[in-house]
């Protein structure tokens, strides 16, 4: 089923703080689902450090992130635009 909304979040060097951000986004996704709105979560790793990549990969394997894009843009706008090009919602 195609999602109605795509949520894009970009990570760099957040480390364990990425976990808190993703939990917040998960709560938003669950609230949307309660109203019948399906949400796709797309995470971009732009020049991400190893710890941040580990946290994001864990969340992806756990099913909390639908898609992960590994980028080397070095520019927040460019990385967001690349993510938007890949979304389904």
C-alpha atoms as a PDB file:
ATOM      1  CA  UNK A   1       0.000   0.000   0.000  1.00  0.00           C
ATOM      2  CA  UNK A   2       1.348   3.424  -0.961  1.00  0.00           C
ATOM      3  CA  UNK A   3       1.827   5.730   2.041  1.00  0.00           C
ATOM      4  CA  UNK A   4      -0.136   8.954   2.148  1.00  0.00           C
ATOM      5  CA  UNK A   5       2.641  10.899   3.863  1.00  0.00           C
ATOM      6  CA  UNK A   6       6.417  10.598   3.774  1.00  0.00           C
ATOM      7  CA  UNK A   7       8.457  11.889   6.710  1.00  0.00           C
ATOM      8  CA  UNK A   8      12.093  12.652   5.873  1.00  0.00           C
ATOM      9  CA  UNK A   9      14.697  13.027   8.605  1.00  0.00           C
ATOM     10  CA  UNK A  10      18.401  13.641   8.003  1.00  0.00           C
ATOM     11  CA  UNK A  11      21.199  12.488  10.291  1.00  0.00           C
ATOM     12  CA  UNK A  12      24.881  13.395  10.436  1.00  0.00           C
ATOM     13  CA  UNK A  13      26.630  12.864  13.764  1.00  0.00           C
ATOM     14  CA  UNK A  14      23.798  12.572  16.269  1.00  0.00           C
ATOM     15  CA  UNK A  15      24.882   9.233  17.699  1.00  0.00           C
ATOM     16  CA  UNK A  16      22.474   7.997  20.369  1.00  0.00           C
ATOM     17  CA  UNK A  17      20.427  11.208  20.138  1.00  0.00           C
ATOM     18  CA  UNK A  18      19.139   9.861  16.805  1.00  0.00           C
ATOM     19  CA  UNK A  19      17.251   7.247  18.837  1.00  0.00           C
ATOM     20  CA  UNK A  20      15.254   9.939  20.675  1.00  0.00           C
ATOM     21  CA  UNK A  21      14.415  11.732  17.429  1.00  0.00           C
ATOM     22  CA  UNK A  22      13.202   8.505  15.851  1.00  0.00           C
ATOM     23  CA  UNK A  23      11.061   7.630  18.868  1.00  0.00           C
ATOM     24  CA  UNK A  24       9.391  11.033  18.569  1.00  0.00           C
ATOM     25  CA  UNK A  25       8.793  10.426  14.868  1.00  0.00           C
ATOM     26  CA  UNK A  26       7.392   6.971  15.652  1.00  0.00           C
ATOM     27  CA  UNK A  27       4.860   8.541  18.032  1.00  0.00           C
ATOM     28  CA  UNK A  28       3.791  10.879  15.213  1.00  0.00           C
ATOM     29  CA  UNK A  29       3.477   7.921  12.826  1.00  0.00           C
ATOM     30  CA  UNK A  30       1.326   6.018  15.329  1.00  0.00           C
ATOM     31  CA  UNK A  31      -0.893   9.056  15.935  1.00  0.00           C
ATOM     32  CA  UNK A  32      -1.386   9.458  12.181  1.00  0.00           C
ATOM     33  CA  UNK A  33      -2.248   5.748  11.892  1.00  0.00           C
ATOM     34  CA  UNK A  34      -4.951   6.190  14.536  1.00  0.00           C
ATOM     35  CA  UNK A  35      -6.585   8.638  12.098  1.00  0.00           C
ATOM     36  CA  UNK A  36      -6.183   6.312   9.132  1.00  0.00           C
ATOM     37  CA  UNK A  37      -3.138   8.082   7.666  1.00  0.00           C
ATOM     38  CA  UNK A  38      -0.233   5.909   6.575  1.00  0.00           C
ATOM     39  CA  UNK A  39       3.246   7.390   7.010  1.00  0.00           C
ATOM     40  CA  UNK A  40       6.507   6.302   5.407  1.00  0.00           C
ATOM     41  CA  UNK A  41       9.703   7.172   7.319  1.00  0.00           C
ATOM     42  CA  UNK A  42      12.784   7.904   5.212  1.00  0.00           C
ATOM     43  CA  UNK A  43      16.099   8.509   6.981  1.00  0.00           C
ATOM     44  CA  UNK A  44      19.069  10.020   5.212  1.00  0.00           C
ATOM     45  CA  UNK A  45      22.603   9.550   6.447  1.00  0.00           C
ATOM     46  CA  UNK A  46      24.635  12.433   5.055  1.00  0.00           C
ATOM     47  CA  UNK A  47      28.307  12.087   5.988  1.00  0.00           C
ATOM     48  CA  UNK A  48      27.085  10.184   9.060  1.00  0.00           C
ATOM     49  CA  UNK A  49      29.498   8.877  11.648  1.00  0.00           C
ATOM     50  CA  UNK A  50      29.627   5.186  12.546  1.00  0.00           C
ATOM     51  CA  UNK A  51      27.567   5.453  15.745  1.00  0.00           C
ATOM     52  CA  UNK A  52      24.766   7.359  14.025  1.00  0.00           C
ATOM     53  CA  UNK A  53      24.747   4.863  11.148  1.00  0.00           C
ATOM     54  CA  UNK A  54      24.562   2.008  13.683  1.00  0.00           C
ATOM     55  CA  UNK A  55      21.540   3.538  15.431  1.00  0.00           C
ATOM     56  CA  UNK A  56      19.739   4.215  12.144  1.00  0.00           C
ATOM     57  CA  UNK A  57      20.506   0.718  10.827  1.00  0.00           C
ATOM     58  CA  UNK A  58      19.121  -0.831  14.015  1.00  0.00           C
ATOM     59  CA  UNK A  59      15.884   1.153  13.667  1.00  0.00           C
ATOM     60  CA  UNK A  60      15.631   0.186   9.995  1.00  0.00           C
ATOM     61  CA  UNK A  61      16.060  -3.523  10.765  1.00  0.00           C
ATOM     62  CA  UNK A  62      13.482  -3.201  13.564  1.00  0.00           C
ATOM     63  CA  UNK A  63      10.987  -1.849  11.018  1.00  0.00           C
ATOM     64  CA  UNK A  64      10.771   1.645  12.484  1.00  0.00           C
ATOM     65  CA  UNK A  65      12.325   3.225   9.377  1.00  0.00           C
ATOM     66  CA  UNK A  66      11.021   2.298   5.947  1.00  0.00           C
ATOM     67  CA  UNK A  67      13.971   3.459   3.870  1.00  0.00           C
ATOM     68  CA  UNK A  68      17.561   4.580   4.536  1.00  0.00           C
ATOM     69  CA  UNK A  69      19.552   6.631   2.059  1.00  0.00           C
ATOM     70  CA  UNK A  70      23.299   6.906   2.523  1.00  0.00           C
ATOM     71  CA  UNK A  71      24.480  10.161   0.975  1.00  0.00           C
ATOM     72  CA  UNK A  72      27.628  12.223   0.816  1.00  0.00           C
ATOM     73  CA  UNK A  73      26.074  15.595  -0.087  1.00  0.00           C
ATOM     74  CA  UNK A  74      27.389  17.723   2.759  1.00  0.00           C
ATOM     75  CA  UNK A  75      24.442  20.058   2.199  1.00  0.00           C
ATOM     76  CA  UNK A  76      21.175  19.766   4.106  1.00  0.00           C
ATOM     77  CA  UNK A  77      19.033  21.092   1.241  1.00  0.00           C
ATOM     78  CA  UNK A  78      20.591  18.774  -1.332  1.00  0.00           C
ATOM     79  CA  UNK A  79      20.260  15.720   0.917  1.00  0.00           C
ATOM     80  CA  UNK A  80      16.596  16.549   1.650  1.00  0.00           C
ATOM     81  CA  UNK A  81      15.872  16.986  -2.051  1.00  0.00           C
ATOM     82  CA  UNK A  82      17.471  13.614  -2.826  1.00  0.00           C
ATOM     83  CA  UNK A  83      15.338  12.022  -0.121  1.00  0.00           C
ATOM     84  CA  UNK A  84      12.186  13.668  -1.488  1.00  0.00           C
ATOM     85  CA  UNK A  85      12.980  12.220  -4.914  1.00  0.00           C
ATOM     86  CA  UNK A  86      12.927   8.720  -3.355  1.00  0.00           C
ATOM     87  CA  UNK A  87       9.719   8.895  -1.318  1.00  0.00           C
ATOM     88  CA  UNK A  88       6.499   7.059  -2.114  1.00  0.00           C
ATOM     89  CA  UNK A  89       4.042   9.301  -0.218  1.00  0.00           C
END
